[in-house]
Amino acid sequence: MNDHILDRPIWNSLTTAHGPFAIGDGGARRFTPNVSIFAGVRDESADSLAALARLMPEDGNLFLIQVAPVVLPDGVRAAKAAEGCQMVLENLKALARSAPEIIRLTEADAEDMLNLATLTKPGPYLRDTRLLGDFWGVKEDGKLIAMAGERFKHPGYSEISGVCTHPDYLGRGLAHALCVKVAEQIMARGEQPYLQVFATNTRAIRVYENLGFRTRTKVNAVMLERG
C-alpha cells in the first residue's frame, strides 16, 4: 500500500514544493540550517538511514515527523520523542466575534517574529523559517502580539504552523482568527490546510477541532542528535 503524501510530510515537502530549501542526497533531506532543523527520510532502508546520518550536524539537532516509527541510524540517538496528532481541515468554522486587523508580515517583521516565537515556543522556528510560506500577524501599538503562517507544502496540501500569541494577549481569539486567515489563503489556492500538534496539547487540539480540523493520524516526532 502506498503511503499518503502526509505520512512523511517533511520528506515530501523537501522533494516537491520546498526543493530549493533542501540539502541531502539519496533517501534523506533536511532544510537549510538557516531555515529549519526539520529533516525527512524516504523510507527506513539502510541507504536512507546512512544518508540521514550524513546530514546530522556535529553540534545540533535534526527533527523528524512521520507516521512510521523513526529508526535511528548508527551514531545517532533520540534526544526527545513524542507522539503528535496530524489534523486536516474538513469544514472551516469562523468565530462569530469581530476579527482583529490581520496584516501580512514581511522582512521588516523578521526580528519581531523570531522574538515572539522564541517567547511562546510554537515549535522549531528560526529567523528564516518565515521564508517557507506567507505569515500573518496582529499588532497592537506597533507590537507584534500574535502570528501564524505556513510551513511544509506538498501537492494539494499546505501546513499551518507558527501559531502563537504573546501571553499578555491570550483569550482574545487571536490564534483562531489567524488560523482562519491562513486556512482561507491555502484554500483559495485549491489546497487543503493541515497542521500538527503534540498529542499532549489537548487545549490546542480542542481549538483546532472547533475550527473544523479532524485528526487524520498520529505521528512520531523525534529530535535527533549525535551520540
Foldseek 3Di string as FASTA:
>chain_A
DDDDLVQFLQQQLCVPVVVVQWDWDDFKTAGNPQAFQEITGPDPDLRRQVRVVVPADQPFKHKGKGADDDDHHPQKDFPDKAKKFKKWFDDFDADPDDAADKDWDDPVCLVLLVVQCVVFVQDTGHSNNCVQFIKMFHDDPNHTFWIKTWHGDHVQEIEIGSGGGHPVDPPPCNSRNRVSVRQVVQVVVVHIYMYMDTPVPVVVVVSVVNRRIDGPHMMMMTMMHGD
